[in-house]
Amino acid sequence: MGMILKKKLEDGSILGIWEITEDINVLLDQVKLSDTELDRFNGFLSHARKLEFLSVRALLRKMVNSKAKIIYNGNRKPYLNDGSHNISISHSKNLTSILLNKTKRVGIDLEYMSHRIRKIAHKFINDNESINKNDLTEKYHLYIHWCAKEALYKVCDKKDINFRLNLFIKPFPVNNKGVIKGKVNSEKINEEFDLNYFKYDNYIIVYTSKD
């Protein structure tokens, strides 16, 4: 399938989504791996992990006409080695997403919605957050919260943040798309963010940016 979305956002960010339907050899033909990347790719035991790795790089190549390579810091936060854009990456099941911005910090998360979210809700929902208990919308509402907090975690460099204690999502109506308010409150960070969310098939995607 390849890239199914490339969109320039109002804040200057570029959002891209790739749907993985190709086999490994087809994806390998679409990327040019460095020796370091090839060693890492060959080290993956999981077939799915190899597909994810290649799809991220294929998507980046489609989004920007650049030879930039993805590198990681000690917190496993991704960067581009040429410094051309800030980058955030997410992957779930058959979708890969990238958010790019030349100047702003970025965070994105996407998740395939399964039924397991209710079992772990206590790990990321705090007492001040409101979840719709309607059987038809509770799972979707929980996934929006989860993805929003992942996006906040990423935009704040993944530093010393507890999802339940340091991240808060303000109440919002549940729709197919919208903008919600999130807050990060930790020893090092006290900021509010606007988070955009939308539903695609059985996936939820949430993204944010900040100066």
N, C-alpha and C. Protein backbone atom coordinates (compact mmCIF):
# COMPACT_ATOMS: atom_id res chain seq x y z
N MET A 1 0.83 -1.20 0.00
CA MET A 1 0.00 0.00 0.00
C MET A 1 0.87 1.25 0.00
N GLY A 2 1.84 1.33 0.93
CA GLY A 2 2.72 2.49 0.98
C GLY A 2 2.11 3.67 1.71
N MET A 3 2.53 4.89 1.34
CA MET A 3 2.08 6.09 2.03
C MET A 3 0.62 6.38 1.70
N ILE A 4 -0.22 6.43 2.74
CA ILE A 4 -1.64 6.69 2.54
C ILE A 4 -2.02 8.10 2.94
N LEU A 5 -1.10 8.82 3.60
CA LEU A 5 -1.38 10.21 3.98
C LEU A 5 -0.08 10.99 4.06
N LYS A 6 -0.09 12.16 3.44
CA LYS A 6 0.96 13.16 3.64
C LYS A 6 0.25 14.50 3.68
N LYS A 7 0.31 15.15 4.83
CA LYS A 7 -0.50 16.35 5.03
C LYS A 7 0.31 17.45 5.70
N LYS A 8 0.27 18.64 5.13
CA LYS A 8 0.90 19.82 5.75
C LYS A 8 -0.10 20.41 6.73
N LEU A 9 0.29 20.55 7.97
CA LEU A 9 -0.60 21.05 9.02
C LEU A 9 -0.44 22.55 9.21
N GLU A 10 -1.40 23.16 9.90
CA GLU A 10 -1.41 24.61 10.06
C GLU A 10 -0.18 25.14 10.77
N ASP A 11 0.40 24.34 11.66
CA ASP A 11 1.56 24.80 12.42
C ASP A 11 2.87 24.59 11.67
N GLY A 12 2.80 24.13 10.43
CA GLY A 12 4.00 23.88 9.65
C GLY A 12 4.49 22.45 9.72
N SER A 13 3.87 21.64 10.55
CA SER A 13 4.27 20.24 10.65
C SER A 13 3.84 19.48 9.40
N ILE A 14 4.50 18.35 9.17
CA ILE A 14 4.11 17.42 8.11
C ILE A 14 3.77 16.09 8.76
N LEU A 15 2.56 15.61 8.49
CA LEU A 15 2.10 14.34 9.03
C LEU A 15 2.07 13.31 7.91
N GLY A 16 2.68 12.16 8.16
CA GLY A 16 2.67 11.09 7.18
C GLY A 16 2.27 9.77 7.80
N ILE A 17 1.52 8.96 7.06
CA ILE A 17 1.12 7.63 7.52
C ILE A 17 1.36 6.62 6.41
N TRP A 18 1.92 5.49 6.77
CA TRP A 18 2.23 4.41 5.84
C TRP A 18 1.47 3.16 6.26
N GLU A 19 0.80 2.51 5.32
CA GLU A 19 0.15 1.24 5.60
C GLU A 19 1.00 0.11 5.04
N ILE A 20 1.41 -0.80 5.91
CA ILE A 20 2.32 -1.88 5.52
C ILE A 20 1.55 -3.03 4.89
N THR A 21 1.71 -3.19 3.60
CA THR A 21 1.17 -4.35 2.90
C THR A 21 2.26 -5.05 2.10
N GLU A 22 3.44 -4.41 2.03
CA GLU A 22 4.55 -4.94 1.25
C GLU A 22 5.30 -6.02 2.02
N ASP A 23 6.04 -6.86 1.29
CA ASP A 23 6.93 -7.78 1.97
C ASP A 23 8.28 -7.09 2.19
N ILE A 24 9.17 -7.75 2.89
CA ILE A 24 10.44 -7.13 3.28
C ILE A 24 11.27 -6.73 2.06
N ASN A 25 11.31 -7.57 1.04
CA ASN A 25 12.15 -7.27 -0.12
C ASN A 25 11.66 -6.03 -0.86
N VAL A 26 10.35 -5.86 -0.96
CA VAL A 26 9.81 -4.66 -1.61
C VAL A 26 10.20 -3.41 -0.82
N LEU A 27 10.09 -3.47 0.51
CA LEU A 27 10.47 -2.33 1.34
C LEU A 27 11.98 -2.06 1.26
N LEU A 28 12.77 -3.10 1.22
CA LEU A 28 14.22 -2.92 1.12
C LEU A 28 14.60 -2.18 -0.15
N ASP A 29 13.86 -2.41 -1.21
CA ASP A 29 14.13 -1.73 -2.47
C ASP A 29 13.79 -0.24 -2.42
N GLN A 30 13.00 0.16 -1.41
CA GLN A 30 12.55 1.55 -1.33
C GLN A 30 13.39 2.39 -0.37
N VAL A 31 14.35 1.78 0.30
CA VAL A 31 15.18 2.51 1.24
C VAL A 31 16.66 2.27 0.94
N LYS A 32 17.48 3.15 1.45
CA LYS A 32 18.93 2.98 1.33
C LYS A 32 19.51 3.01 2.73
N LEU A 33 19.77 1.83 3.28
CA LEU A 33 20.22 1.72 4.66
C LEU A 33 21.72 1.94 4.75
N SER A 34 22.13 2.67 5.78
CA SER A 34 23.55 2.79 6.08
C SER A 34 24.04 1.46 6.67
N ASP A 35 25.34 1.32 6.81
CA ASP A 35 25.89 0.09 7.40
C ASP A 35 25.37 -0.11 8.81
N THR A 36 25.26 1.01 9.56
CA THR A 36 24.74 0.93 10.93
C THR A 36 23.29 0.47 10.93
N GLU A 37 22.49 1.04 10.04
CA GLU A 37 21.08 0.65 9.96
C GLU A 37 20.93 -0.80 9.51
N LEU A 38 21.76 -1.22 8.57
CA LEU A 38 21.69 -2.59 8.08
C LEU A 38 22.04 -3.58 9.19
N ASP A 39 23.04 -3.25 10.00
CA ASP A 39 23.40 -4.11 11.12
C ASP A 39 22.23 -4.21 12.11
N ARG A 40 21.59 -3.08 12.36
CA ARG A 40 20.46 -3.09 13.29
C ARG A 40 19.30 -3.89 12.71
N PHE A 41 19.03 -3.70 11.43
CA PHE A 41 17.95 -4.43 10.76
C PHE A 41 18.19 -5.93 10.83
N ASN A 42 19.41 -6.35 10.54
CA ASN A 42 19.73 -7.78 10.56
C ASN A 42 19.68 -8.38 11.96
N GLY A 43 19.77 -7.51 12.96
CA GLY A 43 19.72 -7.99 14.34
C GLY A 43 18.33 -8.26 14.87
N PHE A 44 17.31 -7.80 14.15
CA PHE A 44 15.94 -8.04 14.59
C PHE A 44 15.55 -9.49 14.31
N LEU A 45 15.00 -10.16 15.30
CA LEU A 45 14.53 -11.53 15.14
C LEU A 45 13.09 -11.57 14.63
N SER A 46 12.33 -10.52 14.93
CA SER A 46 10.92 -10.47 14.58
C SER A 46 10.74 -9.97 13.15
N HIS A 47 9.96 -10.70 12.37
CA HIS A 47 9.62 -10.27 11.02
C HIS A 47 8.85 -8.95 11.05
N ALA A 48 7.92 -8.82 11.99
CA ALA A 48 7.13 -7.61 12.12
C ALA A 48 8.00 -6.41 12.46
N ARG A 49 9.00 -6.63 13.32
CA ARG A 49 9.89 -5.53 13.70
C ARG A 49 10.71 -5.06 12.50
N LYS A 50 11.11 -5.99 11.64
CA LYS A 50 11.84 -5.61 10.42
C LYS A 50 10.97 -4.78 9.49
N LEU A 51 9.71 -5.18 9.34
CA LEU A 51 8.79 -4.42 8.50
C LEU A 51 8.58 -3.01 9.05
N GLU A 52 8.43 -2.91 10.36
CA GLU A 52 8.26 -1.61 11.00
C GLU A 52 9.47 -0.72 10.74
N PHE A 53 10.65 -1.26 10.96
CA PHE A 53 11.90 -0.52 10.78
C PHE A 53 12.01 0.04 9.36
N LEU A 54 11.71 -0.80 8.38
CA LEU A 54 11.81 -0.39 6.98
C LEU A 54 10.72 0.60 6.60
N SER A 55 9.51 0.39 7.11
CA SER A 55 8.41 1.29 6.74
C SER A 55 8.64 2.70 7.26
N VAL A 56 9.24 2.84 8.43
CA VAL A 56 9.55 4.16 8.97
C VAL A 56 10.49 4.90 8.03
N ARG A 57 11.51 4.21 7.57
CA ARG A 57 12.50 4.85 6.69
C ARG A 57 11.96 5.09 5.29
N ALA A 58 11.10 4.20 4.82
CA ALA A 58 10.46 4.43 3.52
C ALA A 58 9.52 5.63 3.58
N LEU A 59 8.79 5.76 4.69
CA LEU A 59 7.88 6.88 4.85
C LEU A 59 8.65 8.19 4.94
N LEU A 60 9.73 8.22 5.71
CA LEU A 60 10.53 9.43 5.83
C LEU A 60 11.05 9.88 4.46
N ARG A 61 11.48 8.92 3.68
CA ARG A 61 12.01 9.24 2.35
C ARG A 61 10.93 9.83 1.45
N LYS A 62 9.69 9.37 1.59
CA LYS A 62 8.58 9.91 0.81
C LYS A 62 8.15 11.29 1.29
N MET A 63 8.31 11.55 2.60
CA MET A 63 7.85 12.81 3.16
C MET A 63 8.78 13.97 2.87
N VAL A 64 10.08 13.72 2.90
CA VAL A 64 11.07 14.78 2.66
C VAL A 64 12.11 14.25 1.69
N ASN A 65 12.46 15.07 0.73
CA ASN A 65 13.47 14.69 -0.25
C ASN A 65 14.84 14.93 0.36
N SER A 66 15.25 14.00 1.17
CA SER A 66 16.47 14.19 1.97
C SER A 66 17.16 12.85 2.20
N LYS A 67 18.44 12.89 2.43
CA LYS A 67 19.20 11.70 2.76
C LYS A 67 19.36 11.55 4.27
N ALA A 68 18.56 12.28 5.02
CA ALA A 68 18.65 12.27 6.47
C ALA A 68 18.43 10.87 7.03
N LYS A 69 19.19 10.55 8.08
CA LYS A 69 19.06 9.28 8.77
C LYS A 69 18.51 9.50 10.17
N ILE A 70 17.76 8.52 10.66
CA ILE A 70 17.20 8.59 12.00
C ILE A 70 18.21 8.07 13.01
N ILE A 71 18.48 8.87 14.03
CA ILE A 71 19.36 8.47 15.12
C ILE A 71 18.59 8.64 16.43
N TYR A 72 19.11 8.10 17.52
CA TYR A 72 18.40 8.12 18.80
C TYR A 72 19.32 8.60 19.92
N ASN A 73 18.71 9.32 20.89
CA ASN A 73 19.48 9.70 22.07
C ASN A 73 19.37 8.61 23.14
N GLY A 74 19.87 8.91 24.32
CA GLY A 74 19.89 7.90 25.39
C GLY A 74 18.51 7.51 25.89
N ASN A 75 17.50 8.37 25.66
CA ASN A 75 16.13 8.05 26.04
C ASN A 75 15.35 7.41 24.91
N ARG A 76 16.05 7.02 23.84
CA ARG A 76 15.43 6.42 22.66
C ARG A 76 14.52 7.40 21.94
N LYS A 77 14.80 8.69 22.07
CA LYS A 77 14.06 9.71 21.32
C LYS A 77 14.72 9.87 19.96
N PRO A 78 13.94 9.83 18.87
CA PRO A 78 14.54 9.92 17.54
C PRO A 78 14.89 11.35 17.12
N TYR A 79 15.95 11.44 16.34
CA TYR A 79 16.38 12.70 15.73
C TYR A 79 16.78 12.42 14.30
N LEU A 80 16.84 13.49 13.49
CA LEU A 80 17.42 13.37 12.16
C LEU A 80 18.86 13.87 12.22
N ASN A 81 19.77 13.11 11.63
CA ASN A 81 21.18 13.45 11.76
C ASN A 81 21.56 14.75 11.06
N ASP A 82 20.72 15.22 10.11
CA ASP A 82 21.05 16.47 9.44
C ASP A 82 20.41 17.68 10.11
N GLY A 83 19.61 17.44 11.17
CA GLY A 83 19.00 18.53 11.91
C GLY A 83 17.94 19.30 11.14
N SER A 84 17.46 18.78 10.03
CA SER A 84 16.52 19.52 9.19
C SER A 84 15.13 19.62 9.81
N HIS A 85 14.73 18.61 10.56
CA HIS A 85 13.41 18.59 11.17
C HIS A 85 13.49 17.92 12.54
N ASN A 86 12.59 18.32 13.44
CA ASN A 86 12.30 17.50 14.61
C ASN A 86 11.36 16.39 14.15
N ILE A 87 11.47 15.23 14.78
CA ILE A 87 10.71 14.07 14.32
C ILE A 87 10.13 13.29 15.48
N SER A 88 8.92 12.78 15.28
CA SER A 88 8.32 11.84 16.21
C SER A 88 7.75 10.69 15.38
N ILE A 89 7.82 9.48 15.92
CA ILE A 89 7.48 8.27 15.17
C ILE A 89 6.55 7.40 16.01
N SER A 90 5.59 6.76 15.37
CA SER A 90 4.75 5.79 16.06
C SER A 90 4.36 4.68 15.09
N HIS A 91 4.13 3.49 15.66
CA HIS A 91 3.77 2.33 14.85
C HIS A 91 2.84 1.43 15.65
N SER A 92 1.84 0.89 14.96
CA SER A 92 0.95 -0.09 15.59
C SER A 92 0.35 -0.97 14.50
N LYS A 93 0.46 -2.26 14.68
CA LYS A 93 -0.04 -3.25 13.75
C LYS A 93 0.45 -2.96 12.34
N ASN A 94 -0.42 -2.49 11.42
CA ASN A 94 -0.02 -2.29 10.03
C ASN A 94 0.21 -0.84 9.64
N LEU A 95 0.16 0.07 10.61
CA LEU A 95 0.36 1.48 10.30
C LEU A 95 1.62 2.03 10.95
N THR A 96 2.29 2.89 10.21
CA THR A 96 3.44 3.64 10.71
C THR A 96 3.17 5.12 10.50
N SER A 97 3.51 5.94 11.47
CA SER A 97 3.29 7.39 11.33
C SER A 97 4.54 8.16 11.70
N ILE A 98 4.70 9.32 11.04
CA ILE A 98 5.79 10.24 11.34
C ILE A 98 5.22 11.65 11.39
N LEU A 99 5.67 12.44 12.35
CA LEU A 99 5.35 13.87 12.42
C LEU A 99 6.67 14.63 12.37
N LEU A 100 6.76 15.60 11.46
CA LEU A 100 7.97 16.39 11.26
C LEU A 100 7.66 17.87 11.43
N ASN A 101 8.61 18.61 11.98
CA ASN A 101 8.51 20.07 12.03
C ASN A 101 9.92 20.65 12.08
N LYS A 102 10.15 21.71 11.33
CA LYS A 102 11.50 22.28 11.26
C LYS A 102 11.92 23.00 12.53
N THR A 103 10.97 23.54 13.29
CA THR A 103 11.33 24.33 14.47
C THR A 103 10.66 23.88 15.76
N LYS A 104 9.44 23.35 15.67
CA LYS A 104 8.69 23.00 16.88
C LYS A 104 9.00 21.58 17.35
N ARG A 105 8.86 21.38 18.65
CA ARG A 105 8.90 20.03 19.21
C ARG A 105 7.65 19.28 18.78
N VAL A 106 7.76 18.00 18.55
CA VAL A 106 6.61 17.24 18.06
C VAL A 106 6.46 15.92 18.83
N GLY A 107 5.22 15.45 18.88
CA GLY A 107 4.92 14.15 19.48
C GLY A 107 3.73 13.54 18.78
N ILE A 108 3.80 12.26 18.44
CA ILE A 108 2.69 11.57 17.79
C ILE A 108 2.58 10.16 18.33
N ASP A 109 1.36 9.68 18.41
CA ASP A 109 1.14 8.28 18.76
C ASP A 109 -0.06 7.76 18.01
N LEU A 110 0.04 6.52 17.55
CA LEU A 110 -1.11 5.85 16.96
C LEU A 110 -1.20 4.46 17.56
N GLU A 111 -2.42 3.99 17.72
CA GLU A 111 -2.65 2.67 18.30
C GLU A 111 -3.81 1.99 17.59
N TYR A 112 -3.65 0.69 17.36
CA TYR A 112 -4.75 -0.15 16.90
C TYR A 112 -5.60 -0.47 18.13
N MET A 113 -6.89 -0.26 18.04
CA MET A 113 -7.75 -0.40 19.21
C MET A 113 -8.19 -1.84 19.43
N SER A 114 -7.62 -2.47 20.44
CA SER A 114 -8.01 -3.82 20.84
C SER A 114 -8.81 -3.71 22.13
N HIS A 115 -9.14 -4.84 22.74
CA HIS A 115 -9.96 -4.82 23.96
C HIS A 115 -9.11 -4.77 25.23
N ARG A 116 -7.79 -4.83 25.10
CA ARG A 116 -6.94 -4.91 26.30
C ARG A 116 -6.83 -3.59 27.04
N ILE A 117 -7.23 -2.49 26.46
CA ILE A 117 -7.01 -1.18 27.06
C ILE A 117 -7.68 -1.05 28.42
N ARG A 118 -8.86 -1.67 28.58
CA ARG A 118 -9.57 -1.55 29.86
C ARG A 118 -8.77 -2.18 31.00
N LYS A 119 -7.99 -3.21 30.70
CA LYS A 119 -7.24 -3.92 31.73
C LYS A 119 -6.07 -3.10 32.28
N ILE A 120 -5.60 -2.14 31.50
CA ILE A 120 -4.44 -1.35 31.95
C ILE A 120 -4.81 0.11 32.21
N ALA A 121 -6.10 0.44 32.15
CA ALA A 121 -6.52 1.83 32.32
C ALA A 121 -6.05 2.42 33.64
N HIS A 122 -6.02 1.60 34.69
CA HIS A 122 -5.62 2.10 36.01
C HIS A 122 -4.17 2.57 36.05
N LYS A 123 -3.39 2.18 35.05
CA LYS A 123 -1.98 2.56 35.02
C LYS A 123 -1.76 3.96 34.44
N PHE A 124 -2.75 4.48 33.70
CA PHE A 124 -2.52 5.79 33.08
C PHE A 124 -3.64 6.80 33.28
N ILE A 125 -4.81 6.36 33.77
CA ILE A 125 -5.91 7.29 34.06
C ILE A 125 -5.86 7.67 35.53
N ASN A 126 -5.87 8.99 35.81
CA ASN A 126 -5.83 9.41 37.21
C ASN A 126 -7.23 9.80 37.70
N ASP A 127 -7.34 10.07 38.98
CA ASP A 127 -8.65 10.29 39.60
C ASP A 127 -9.35 11.55 39.11
N ASN A 128 -8.61 12.47 38.52
CA ASN A 128 -9.20 13.73 38.07
C ASN A 128 -9.64 13.69 36.61
N GLU A 129 -9.44 12.57 35.95
CA GLU A 129 -9.81 12.46 34.55
C GLU A 129 -11.15 11.76 34.40
N SER A 130 -11.87 12.17 33.37
CA SER A 130 -13.23 11.68 33.17
C SER A 130 -13.29 10.76 31.96
N ILE A 131 -13.81 9.52 32.16
CA ILE A 131 -13.93 8.55 31.08
C ILE A 131 -15.40 8.20 30.88
N ASN A 132 -15.85 8.23 29.64
CA ASN A 132 -17.22 7.85 29.31
C ASN A 132 -17.41 6.36 29.55
N LYS A 133 -18.37 5.99 30.36
CA LYS A 133 -18.59 4.59 30.73
C LYS A 133 -19.56 3.87 29.80
N ASN A 134 -20.02 4.53 28.77
CA ASN A 134 -20.87 3.88 27.78
C ASN A 134 -20.07 2.78 27.09
N ASP A 135 -20.64 1.57 27.03
CA ASP A 135 -19.93 0.43 26.46
C ASP A 135 -19.47 0.68 25.03
N LEU A 136 -20.17 1.50 24.29
CA LEU A 136 -19.85 1.74 22.89
C LEU A 136 -18.70 2.73 22.71
N THR A 137 -18.47 3.56 23.71
CA THR A 137 -17.46 4.62 23.56
C THR A 137 -16.32 4.54 24.57
N GLU A 138 -16.46 3.74 25.62
CA GLU A 138 -15.44 3.72 26.67
C GLU A 138 -14.07 3.34 26.13
N LYS A 139 -14.00 2.29 25.33
CA LYS A 139 -12.72 1.85 24.79
C LYS A 139 -12.08 2.94 23.94
N TYR A 140 -12.86 3.54 23.07
CA TYR A 140 -12.36 4.61 22.20
C TYR A 140 -11.87 5.79 23.04
N HIS A 141 -12.63 6.17 24.07
CA HIS A 141 -12.26 7.27 24.95
C HIS A 141 -10.93 6.96 25.65
N LEU A 142 -10.79 5.74 26.13
CA LEU A 142 -9.55 5.34 26.79
C LEU A 142 -8.36 5.40 25.82
N TYR A 143 -8.56 4.97 24.60
CA TYR A 143 -7.46 5.00 23.63
C TYR A 143 -7.05 6.42 23.27
N ILE A 144 -8.00 7.33 23.21
CA ILE A 144 -7.63 8.73 22.97
C ILE A 144 -6.75 9.23 24.10
N HIS A 145 -7.13 8.92 25.35
CA HIS A 145 -6.31 9.31 26.50
C HIS A 145 -4.91 8.70 26.41
N TRP A 146 -4.86 7.41 26.11
CA TRP A 146 -3.57 6.72 26.06
C TRP A 146 -2.66 7.34 24.99
N CYS A 147 -3.20 7.53 23.78
CA CYS A 147 -2.41 8.08 22.69
C CYS A 147 -2.00 9.53 22.98
N ALA A 148 -2.91 10.29 23.58
CA ALA A 148 -2.58 11.67 23.93
C ALA A 148 -1.43 11.73 24.93
N LYS A 149 -1.44 10.83 25.89
CA LYS A 149 -0.37 10.83 26.89
C LYS A 149 0.94 10.34 26.28
N GLU A 150 0.87 9.40 25.36
CA GLU A 150 2.08 8.98 24.65
C GLU A 150 2.66 10.15 23.85
N ALA A 151 1.79 10.91 23.18
CA ALA A 151 2.26 12.05 22.41
C ALA A 151 2.90 13.10 23.32
N LEU A 152 2.29 13.34 24.48
CA LEU A 152 2.87 14.27 25.46
C LEU A 152 4.22 13.78 25.95
N TYR A 153 4.30 12.51 26.24
CA TYR A 153 5.54 11.89 26.70
C TYR A 153 6.65 12.09 25.68
N LYS A 154 6.32 11.94 24.42
CA LYS A 154 7.33 12.07 23.36
C LYS A 154 7.73 13.52 23.14
N VAL A 155 6.77 14.44 23.14
CA VAL A 155 7.11 15.83 22.89
C VAL A 155 7.95 16.41 24.03
N CYS A 156 7.84 15.81 25.20
CA CYS A 156 8.63 16.25 26.36
C CYS A 156 9.90 15.43 26.54
N ASP A 157 10.36 14.79 25.49
CA ASP A 157 11.65 14.08 25.47
C ASP A 157 11.71 12.86 26.36
N LYS A 158 10.56 12.32 26.76
CA LYS A 158 10.51 11.07 27.52
C LYS A 158 11.29 11.14 28.83
N LYS A 159 11.28 12.29 29.47
CA LYS A 159 12.11 12.47 30.66
C LYS A 159 11.29 12.45 31.94
N ASP A 160 11.53 11.46 32.79
CA ASP A 160 11.00 11.42 34.16
C ASP A 160 9.52 11.75 34.23
N ILE A 161 8.70 11.09 33.41
CA ILE A 161 7.27 11.35 33.36
C ILE A 161 6.50 10.07 33.66
N ASN A 162 5.60 10.16 34.62
CA ASN A 162 4.70 9.07 34.95
C ASN A 162 3.34 9.38 34.33
N PHE A 163 2.82 8.44 33.53
CA PHE A 163 1.59 8.69 32.79
C PHE A 163 0.41 9.03 33.71
N ARG A 164 0.34 8.40 34.85
CA ARG A 164 -0.80 8.61 35.75
C ARG A 164 -0.62 9.84 36.63
N LEU A 165 0.62 10.11 37.05
CA LEU A 165 0.87 11.17 38.01
C LEU A 165 1.21 12.51 37.37
N ASN A 166 1.84 12.51 36.21
CA ASN A 166 2.36 13.75 35.62
C ASN A 166 1.63 14.22 34.37
N LEU A 167 0.74 13.39 33.82
CA LEU A 167 0.04 13.76 32.60
C LEU A 167 -1.46 13.82 32.86
N PHE A 168 -2.10 14.88 32.35
CA PHE A 168 -3.53 15.07 32.59
C PHE A 168 -4.22 15.51 31.30
N ILE A 169 -5.32 14.84 30.96
CA ILE A 169 -6.14 15.20 29.81
C ILE A 169 -7.45 15.79 30.31
N LYS A 170 -7.76 17.01 29.88
CA LYS A 170 -8.99 17.67 30.31
C LYS A 170 -10.20 17.00 29.64
N PRO A 171 -11.36 17.01 30.30
CA PRO A 171 -12.56 16.39 29.74
C PRO A 171 -12.88 16.93 28.34
N PHE A 172 -13.39 16.04 27.48
CA PHE A 172 -13.70 16.44 26.11
C PHE A 172 -14.79 15.53 25.56
N PRO A 173 -15.57 16.01 24.59
CA PRO A 173 -16.57 15.16 23.95
C PRO A 173 -15.90 14.19 22.99
N VAL A 174 -16.43 12.99 22.89
CA VAL A 174 -15.83 11.96 22.04
C VAL A 174 -16.41 12.05 20.63
N ASN A 175 -15.55 12.37 19.66
CA ASN A 175 -15.94 12.46 18.26
C ASN A 175 -14.95 11.69 17.40
N ASN A 176 -15.17 11.64 16.10
CA ASN A 176 -14.22 10.98 15.21
C ASN A 176 -12.93 11.75 15.06
N LYS A 177 -12.98 13.06 15.34
CA LYS A 177 -11.78 13.88 15.33
C LYS A 177 -12.02 15.09 16.21
N GLY A 178 -10.94 15.72 16.65
CA GLY A 178 -11.10 16.90 17.49
C GLY A 178 -9.78 17.37 18.06
N VAL A 179 -9.87 18.39 18.91
CA VAL A 179 -8.70 18.94 19.61
C VAL A 179 -8.98 18.86 21.10
N ILE A 180 -8.03 18.33 21.84
CA ILE A 180 -8.18 18.21 23.29
C ILE A 180 -7.02 18.91 23.98
N LYS A 181 -7.20 19.20 25.25
CA LYS A 181 -6.18 19.89 26.05
C LYS A 181 -5.47 18.90 26.96
N GLY A 182 -4.17 18.97 26.96
CA GLY A 182 -3.38 18.13 27.84
C GLY A 182 -2.39 18.95 28.63
N LYS A 183 -2.01 18.44 29.79
CA LYS A 183 -1.06 19.15 30.64
C LYS A 183 0.00 18.19 31.15
N VAL A 184 1.22 18.68 31.18
CA VAL A 184 2.34 17.95 31.76
C VAL A 184 2.78 18.70 33.01
N ASN A 185 2.79 18.03 34.15
CA ASN A 185 3.17 18.66 35.41
C ASN A 185 4.11 17.73 36.16
N SER A 186 5.39 18.01 36.05
CA SER A 186 6.41 17.21 36.74
C SER A 186 7.41 18.15 37.38
N GLU A 187 8.45 17.60 37.96
CA GLU A 187 9.46 18.43 38.61
C GLU A 187 10.17 19.34 37.60
N LYS A 188 10.28 18.89 36.35
CA LYS A 188 11.03 19.64 35.35
C LYS A 188 10.14 20.38 34.35
N ILE A 189 8.88 19.97 34.21
CA ILE A 189 8.03 20.50 33.15
C ILE A 189 6.67 20.88 33.70
N ASN A 190 6.18 22.06 33.32
CA ASN A 190 4.81 22.48 33.63
C ASN A 190 4.27 23.21 32.41
N GLU A 191 3.64 22.47 31.50
CA GLU A 191 3.18 23.03 30.24
C GLU A 191 1.83 22.47 29.85
N GLU A 192 1.09 23.26 29.07
CA GLU A 192 -0.16 22.80 28.49
C GLU A 192 0.00 22.65 26.98
N PHE A 193 -0.74 21.71 26.40
CA PHE A 193 -0.62 21.40 24.99
C PHE A 193 -2.00 21.23 24.37
N ASP A 194 -2.12 21.61 23.10
CA ASP A 194 -3.27 21.24 22.28
C ASP A 194 -2.91 19.96 21.53
N LEU A 195 -3.79 18.98 21.61
CA LEU A 195 -3.56 17.70 20.95
C LEU A 195 -4.69 17.43 19.95
N ASN A 196 -4.32 17.17 18.72
CA ASN A 196 -5.27 16.82 17.69
C ASN A 196 -5.42 15.30 17.63
N TYR A 197 -6.66 14.84 17.47
CA TYR A 197 -6.87 13.40 17.34
C TYR A 197 -7.83 13.12 16.20
N PHE A 198 -7.69 11.95 15.61
CA PHE A 198 -8.66 11.49 14.62
C PHE A 198 -8.63 9.97 14.56
N LYS A 199 -9.71 9.42 14.03
CA LYS A 199 -9.85 7.97 13.91
C LYS A 199 -9.69 7.58 12.45
N TYR A 200 -8.92 6.51 12.23
CA TYR A 200 -8.78 5.94 10.89
C TYR A 200 -9.01 4.44 10.99
N ASP A 201 -10.08 3.96 10.36
CA ASP A 201 -10.42 2.54 10.46
C ASP A 201 -10.53 2.18 11.94
N ASN A 202 -9.72 1.23 12.43
CA ASN A 202 -9.77 0.87 13.85
C ASN A 202 -8.54 1.41 14.60
N TYR A 203 -7.98 2.49 14.09
CA TYR A 203 -6.82 3.12 14.71
C TYR A 203 -7.21 4.49 15.24
N ILE A 204 -6.50 4.92 16.29
CA ILE A 204 -6.61 6.28 16.78
C ILE A 204 -5.23 6.92 16.66
N ILE A 205 -5.18 8.16 16.15
CA ILE A 205 -3.93 8.89 15.97
C ILE A 205 -4.06 10.21 16.71
N VAL A 206 -3.06 10.53 17.55
CA VAL A 206 -3.01 11.80 18.29
C VAL A 206 -1.65 12.44 18.08
N TYR A 207 -1.64 13.75 17.84
CA TYR A 207 -0.35 14.43 17.62
C TYR A 207 -0.40 15.83 18.21
N THR A 208 0.80 16.36 18.51
CA THR A 208 0.91 17.69 19.09
C THR A 208 2.25 18.30 18.71
N SER A 209 2.34 19.61 18.86
CA SER A 209 3.61 20.32 18.64
C SER A 209 3.67 21.51 19.58
N LYS A 210 4.88 21.98 19.82
CA LYS A 210 5.05 23.10 20.75
C LYS A 210 6.37 23.80 20.47
N ASP A 211 6.38 25.13 20.57
CA ASP A 211 7.63 25.88 20.40
C ASP A 211 8.63 25.51 21.48
